């Protein structure tokens, strides 16, 4: 059986998955169907809106499936009707059952947002930033029934810049994912795609994020707090409280100067540059953007015009 141009079913949902789909289409791959999550309420009106992948698929004239359940014989039969040689997954958002993974002759491959075996799980981009990594990447992997435990097919690295957030890094990684995916498909055709087993002893994990993960502990070092804020930007975002009101914090910058014994979580300086807040290691962390409850995200200088935060204000 020839797989020179395999019949591909693509499974993906958010904007992160779009470059992988468009890269395959631009590369001339034979994508026969797209599976994505159901439309979800979005925006102030809470009207159902299509996932980004669905919008791209419909523009390309591809059949789109949006099942509410994927661990059923009916869904597997629906996929089998497209006679796929390969399933490609990128940020679909659900765990695929074993029978579906094994349905195509070439199996199922995944575009994963880390350099496996590091950061297996649902939020690898965010946790890499939170934990202070300076490098991450994309792994094209052969999927099995474990949590991102399948063989590595093709990795590609990417630096994490000091000002990267989960949002900005995801855009760069999504682009890299599309590039690596079509390279992997070219190597598949050439017969040079060699699976490499993961070293489980080197594995780390990236569990799903919760809103409460963003509550800042100002007893932590300034650099660690800065990584937390960047890793949770744009969602779920890091926050503290001022007078009982939640204040979301963005755009951190650890400063070299010390807090001179000021208690952690205390505003030492507030001005055009931002809020200089004392951290647990005696250093200052500059916060340059904030968002109050019910408000919009804005530079600290603009926020202070209507909401003064004088030195001595406690954010802890």
Protein backbone atom coordinates (compact mmCIF):
# COMPACT_ATOMS: atom_id res chain seq x y z
CA UNK A 1 0.00 0.00 0.00
CA UNK A 2 1.37 3.40 -0.97
CA UNK A 3 1.21 6.30 1.42
CA UNK A 4 2.87 8.84 -0.87
CA UNK A 5 -0.09 11.15 -0.30
CA UNK A 6 -1.87 9.72 2.75
CA UNK A 7 -5.50 10.48 3.40
CA UNK A 8 -5.41 12.61 6.56
CA UNK A 9 -8.07 13.36 9.16
CA UNK A 10 -7.05 16.43 11.16
CA UNK A 11 -8.21 16.95 14.75
CA UNK A 12 -7.70 20.37 16.34
CA UNK A 13 -9.65 23.22 17.91
CA UNK A 14 -7.99 26.53 18.99
CA UNK A 15 -5.92 29.10 17.13
CA UNK A 16 -2.77 27.15 18.07
CA UNK A 17 -3.89 24.35 15.74
CA UNK A 18 -4.61 26.57 12.73
CA UNK A 19 -1.01 26.84 11.42
CA UNK A 20 -0.71 23.04 11.40
CA UNK A 21 -3.86 22.70 9.30
CA UNK A 22 -2.99 25.53 6.93
CA UNK A 23 0.59 24.26 6.54
CA UNK A 24 -0.72 20.88 5.38
CA UNK A 25 -3.19 22.47 2.99
CA UNK A 26 -0.54 24.81 1.57
CA UNK A 27 1.80 21.82 1.23
CA UNK A 28 -0.71 19.93 -0.86
CA UNK A 29 -1.51 17.26 1.70
CA UNK A 30 -4.71 15.26 1.25
CA UNK A 31 -6.79 16.38 4.24
CA UNK A 32 -10.12 14.58 3.86
CA UNK A 33 -11.90 15.77 7.02
CA UNK A 34 -11.48 17.97 10.09
CA UNK A 35 -12.67 17.13 13.61
CA UNK A 36 -13.03 19.96 16.10
CA UNK A 37 -14.86 20.80 19.32
CA UNK A 38 -18.50 21.94 19.24
CA UNK A 39 -19.24 25.65 18.96
CA UNK A 40 -19.04 27.36 22.37
CA UNK A 41 -20.63 30.54 23.78
CA UNK A 42 -18.24 33.45 23.45
CA UNK A 43 -18.16 37.19 24.06
CA UNK A 44 -20.51 39.41 26.00
CA UNK A 45 -23.59 38.08 24.24
CA UNK A 46 -22.55 34.46 24.92
CA UNK A 47 -23.58 33.47 21.42
CA UNK A 48 -22.23 30.15 20.08
CA UNK A 49 -19.09 30.76 18.04
CA UNK A 50 -17.12 28.29 15.91
CA UNK A 51 -13.60 27.22 16.91
CA UNK A 52 -10.82 28.80 14.81
CA UNK A 53 -10.03 25.46 13.16
CA UNK A 54 -13.62 25.10 11.98
CA UNK A 55 -13.54 28.49 10.32
CA UNK A 56 -10.40 27.61 8.37
CA UNK A 57 -11.73 24.18 7.43
CA UNK A 58 -14.99 25.57 6.09
CA UNK A 59 -13.14 28.20 4.06
CA UNK A 60 -11.11 25.36 2.52
CA UNK A 61 -14.28 23.40 1.73
CA UNK A 62 -13.42 20.51 4.05
CA UNK A 63 -15.98 18.31 5.83
CA UNK A 64 -16.17 19.32 9.51
CA UNK A 65 -17.19 17.00 12.35
CA UNK A 66 -18.00 18.38 15.81
CA UNK A 67 -18.86 15.37 17.97
CA UNK A 68 -19.96 15.74 21.56
CA UNK A 69 -18.62 12.24 22.31
CA UNK A 70 -15.66 10.53 20.65
CA UNK A 71 -15.46 7.27 22.63
CA UNK A 72 -18.32 5.70 20.73
CA UNK A 73 -18.60 3.14 17.97
CA UNK A 74 -20.71 5.57 15.98
CA UNK A 75 -17.98 8.22 15.91
CA UNK A 76 -15.29 5.68 15.05
CA UNK A 77 -17.42 4.45 12.16
CA UNK A 78 -17.89 8.04 11.02
CA UNK A 79 -14.12 8.51 10.91
CA UNK A 80 -13.60 5.12 9.25
CA UNK A 81 -15.92 6.20 6.45
CA UNK A 82 -13.27 8.73 5.37
CA UNK A 83 -10.74 5.85 5.02
CA UNK A 84 -7.88 7.82 6.62
CA UNK A 85 -4.32 6.56 6.33
CA UNK A 86 -3.25 8.90 9.11
CA UNK A 87 -4.82 11.02 11.84
CA UNK A 88 -3.02 14.25 12.78
CA UNK A 89 -3.87 15.84 16.14
CA UNK A 90 -2.99 19.34 17.34
CA UNK A 91 -4.59 20.77 20.50
CA UNK A 92 -7.88 18.96 19.91
CA UNK A 93 -8.79 19.16 23.60
CA UNK A 94 -9.89 15.63 24.38
CA UNK A 95 -8.17 12.32 25.10
CA UNK A 96 -8.50 9.99 22.13
CA UNK A 97 -9.46 6.36 22.77
CA UNK A 98 -7.12 3.56 21.74
CA UNK A 99 -9.32 2.15 18.94
CA UNK A 100 -9.41 5.57 17.27
CA UNK A 101 -5.64 6.03 17.61
CA UNK A 102 -5.06 2.69 15.91
CA UNK A 103 -7.74 3.04 13.24
CA UNK A 104 -5.53 4.45 10.43
CA UNK A 105 -2.79 2.19 9.00
CA UNK A 106 -0.17 4.85 9.82
CA UNK A 107 -1.60 5.47 13.27
CA UNK A 108 -2.06 8.90 14.84
CA UNK A 109 0.55 11.63 15.24
CA UNK A 110 0.41 14.69 17.47
CA UNK A 111 1.87 18.20 17.33
CA UNK A 112 2.86 18.66 20.99
CA UNK A 113 3.94 21.99 22.49
CA UNK A 114 7.12 20.95 24.30
CA UNK A 115 10.37 19.08 23.87
CA UNK A 116 9.25 15.70 25.09
CA UNK A 117 9.59 14.01 27.51
CA UNK A 118 9.53 17.37 29.32
CA UNK A 119 6.12 18.91 29.97
CA UNK A 120 3.74 16.13 29.11
CA UNK A 121 0.16 17.25 29.55
CA UNK A 122 -2.39 19.92 28.76
CA UNK A 123 -0.47 23.18 29.38
CA UNK A 124 3.15 22.70 28.30
CA UNK A 125 3.69 26.23 26.99
CA UNK A 126 2.47 27.87 30.19
CA UNK A 127 4.37 25.61 32.57
CA UNK A 128 7.64 25.99 30.66
CA UNK A 129 7.47 29.75 31.27
CA UNK A 130 6.23 29.41 34.85
CA UNK A 131 9.18 27.16 35.70
CA UNK A 132 11.71 29.54 34.23
CA UNK A 133 12.79 27.56 31.18
CA UNK A 134 14.83 29.42 28.55
CA UNK A 135 14.12 26.92 25.77
CA UNK A 136 11.13 24.93 24.63
CA UNK A 137 9.93 23.57 21.33
CA UNK A 138 7.59 21.33 19.38
CA UNK A 139 7.60 17.54 19.21
CA UNK A 140 5.90 15.62 16.44
CA UNK A 141 5.11 12.34 18.17
CA UNK A 142 3.41 9.04 17.52
CA UNK A 143 0.42 8.88 19.84
CA UNK A 144 -0.32 5.96 22.14
CA UNK A 145 -2.80 5.57 24.99
CA UNK A 146 -0.48 7.18 27.56
CA UNK A 147 -0.24 10.88 28.42
CA UNK A 148 2.11 12.12 25.69
CA UNK A 149 4.25 9.00 26.10
CA UNK A 150 4.50 7.93 22.45
CA UNK A 151 7.66 7.78 20.35
CA UNK A 152 9.29 11.02 19.23
CA UNK A 153 9.22 11.46 15.46
CA UNK A 154 10.62 14.96 14.95
CA UNK A 155 11.56 17.62 17.55
CA UNK A 156 12.32 21.29 17.01
CA UNK A 157 13.54 23.79 19.61
CA UNK A 158 12.65 27.43 20.20
CA UNK A 159 14.11 29.96 22.70
CA UNK A 160 11.89 31.51 25.35
CA UNK A 161 12.62 35.23 25.36
CA UNK A 162 12.66 37.11 28.70
CA UNK A 163 9.49 39.02 27.78
CA UNK A 164 7.60 36.08 26.26
CA UNK A 165 4.16 35.35 27.65
CA UNK A 166 2.18 32.17 27.11
CA UNK A 167 0.25 34.10 24.47
CA UNK A 168 3.23 35.39 22.48
CA UNK A 169 5.14 32.13 22.76
CA UNK A 170 2.14 30.10 21.61
CA UNK A 171 2.00 32.08 18.36
CA UNK A 172 5.65 31.32 17.59
CA UNK A 173 5.30 27.68 18.59
CA UNK A 174 2.17 27.21 16.49
CA UNK A 175 4.06 28.40 13.43
CA UNK A 176 6.94 26.06 14.23
CA UNK A 177 4.46 23.22 14.70
CA UNK A 178 3.13 23.68 11.18
CA UNK A 179 6.64 23.72 9.73
CA UNK A 180 7.69 20.58 11.58
CA UNK A 181 4.48 18.78 10.70
CA UNK A 182 4.93 19.12 6.94
CA UNK A 183 8.61 18.20 7.32
CA UNK A 184 7.55 15.06 9.19
CA UNK A 185 5.10 14.19 6.41
CA UNK A 186 7.84 14.67 3.81
CA UNK A 187 10.10 12.36 5.80
CA UNK A 188 7.26 9.86 6.07
CA UNK A 189 7.04 9.79 2.29
CA UNK A 190 10.81 9.44 2.01
CA UNK A 191 10.91 6.63 4.56
CA UNK A 192 13.30 8.58 6.83
CA UNK A 193 10.98 9.21 9.78
CA UNK A 194 12.49 7.18 12.62
CA UNK A 195 10.58 6.80 15.93
CA UNK A 196 12.64 7.33 19.08
CA UNK A 197 11.30 6.06 22.43
CA UNK A 198 11.04 8.66 25.19
CA UNK A 199 13.15 8.46 28.33
CA UNK A 200 10.47 8.28 31.01
CA UNK A 201 13.04 9.08 33.71
CA UNK A 202 13.37 12.59 32.21
CA UNK A 203 9.63 13.26 32.06
CA UNK A 204 8.04 16.31 33.64
CA UNK A 205 4.38 17.24 33.61
CA UNK A 206 2.21 20.19 32.67
CA UNK A 207 -1.22 19.73 34.28
CA UNK A 208 -4.26 21.81 33.29
CA UNK A 209 -4.32 25.31 34.72
CA UNK A 210 -6.91 26.53 37.20
CA UNK A 211 -7.92 30.11 37.95
CA UNK A 212 -6.60 29.81 41.49
CA UNK A 213 -3.11 29.02 40.13
CA UNK A 214 -2.86 32.74 39.43
CA UNK A 215 -3.05 33.89 43.06
CA UNK A 216 0.39 35.40 43.68
CA UNK A 217 2.40 34.43 46.74
CA UNK A 218 4.60 37.49 47.27
CA UNK A 219 6.86 35.49 49.57
CA UNK A 220 8.33 33.91 46.41
CA UNK A 221 11.39 35.44 44.69
CA UNK A 222 10.75 38.28 42.24
CA UNK A 223 11.99 36.26 39.25
CA UNK A 224 9.64 33.36 40.06
CA UNK A 225 6.66 35.67 40.40
CA UNK A 226 7.57 37.29 37.10
CA UNK A 227 7.64 33.87 35.40
CA UNK A 228 4.24 33.02 36.91
CA UNK A 229 2.70 36.25 35.60
CA UNK A 230 4.11 35.71 32.10
CA UNK A 231 3.13 32.04 32.04
CA UNK A 232 -0.49 32.80 32.95
CA UNK A 233 -0.86 35.63 30.42
CA UNK A 234 -3.44 35.78 28.85
CA UNK A 235 -5.28 33.02 30.79
CA UNK A 236 -6.05 32.50 33.60
CA UNK A 237 -3.81 35.48 34.52
CA UNK A 238 -2.02 36.20 37.79
CA UNK A 239 -3.66 38.37 40.41
CA UNK A 240 -3.53 39.95 43.85
CA UNK A 241 -6.13 41.85 45.86
CA UNK A 242 -6.40 45.54 46.69
CA UNK A 243 -9.06 46.51 49.24
CA UNK A 244 -10.76 43.19 48.62
CA UNK A 245 -10.89 43.63 44.84
CA UNK A 246 -9.05 41.36 42.45
CA UNK A 247 -6.30 43.09 40.47
CA UNK A 248 -4.80 41.16 37.56
CA UNK A 249 -1.12 41.82 36.91
CA UNK A 250 0.77 41.71 33.61
CA UNK A 251 4.07 42.68 31.97
CA UNK A 252 6.45 42.00 34.89
CA UNK A 253 10.09 43.01 35.00
CA UNK A 254 12.37 41.96 37.90
CA UNK A 255 14.52 44.88 39.04
CA UNK A 256 18.06 44.81 40.35
CA UNK A 257 17.33 47.15 43.24
CA UNK A 258 16.36 45.82 46.65
CA UNK A 259 13.22 46.45 48.67
CA UNK A 260 15.19 47.72 51.68
CA UNK A 261 13.34 45.51 54.13
CA UNK A 262 9.85 46.32 52.85
CA UNK A 263 7.37 43.51 53.50
CA UNK A 264 6.66 41.24 50.51
CA UNK A 265 3.62 42.32 48.49
CA UNK A 266 3.99 46.00 49.39
CA UNK A 267 4.02 48.71 46.73
CA UNK A 268 7.32 50.59 47.08
CA UNK A 269 6.87 52.90 44.12
CA UNK A 270 4.01 53.73 41.76
CA UNK A 271 4.43 55.88 38.69
CA UNK A 272 4.66 56.06 34.91
CA UNK A 273 6.97 53.05 34.70
CA UNK A 274 4.67 50.85 36.77
CA UNK A 275 4.26 49.41 40.24
CA UNK A 276 7.47 48.40 42.01
CA UNK A 277 6.44 45.69 44.49
CA UNK A 278 8.58 43.99 47.10
CA UNK A 279 9.06 40.24 46.71
CA UNK A 280 10.12 37.55 49.16
CA UNK A 281 13.78 37.57 48.17
CA UNK A 282 14.14 41.27 48.99
CA UNK A 283 14.03 42.31 45.32
CA UNK A 284 11.55 44.52 43.54
CA UNK A 285 9.25 43.36 40.75
CA UNK A 286 7.99 46.01 38.34
CA UNK A 287 4.41 45.50 37.15
CA UNK A 288 3.71 47.51 34.00
CA UNK A 289 0.10 46.57 33.17
CA UNK A 290 -2.95 45.81 35.33
CA UNK A 291 -6.64 45.02 35.01
CA UNK A 292 -9.18 45.60 37.76
CA UNK A 293 -12.40 43.63 38.17
CA UNK A 294 -14.84 44.55 35.43
CA UNK A 295 -12.26 46.74 33.70
CA UNK A 296 -9.92 46.43 30.77
CA UNK A 297 -6.22 45.74 30.73
CA UNK A 298 -4.17 48.95 30.67
CA UNK A 299 -0.74 50.42 31.45
CA UNK A 300 -0.23 51.17 35.12
CA UNK A 301 0.24 54.87 34.34
CA UNK A 302 -3.29 55.05 32.95
CA UNK A 303 -4.72 52.97 35.79
CA UNK A 304 -3.22 55.22 38.46
CA UNK A 305 -5.03 58.27 37.11
CA UNK A 306 -8.31 56.95 38.49
CA UNK A 307 -7.10 54.41 41.06
CA UNK A 308 -4.15 55.65 43.13
CA UNK A 309 -1.94 52.99 44.70
CA UNK A 310 0.39 54.95 46.96
CA UNK A 311 3.59 53.46 48.38
CA UNK A 312 2.74 51.20 51.28
CA UNK A 313 -0.32 49.68 49.57
CA UNK A 314 -0.39 45.95 50.32
CA UNK A 315 -1.07 43.48 47.51
CA UNK A 316 -0.45 40.40 49.63
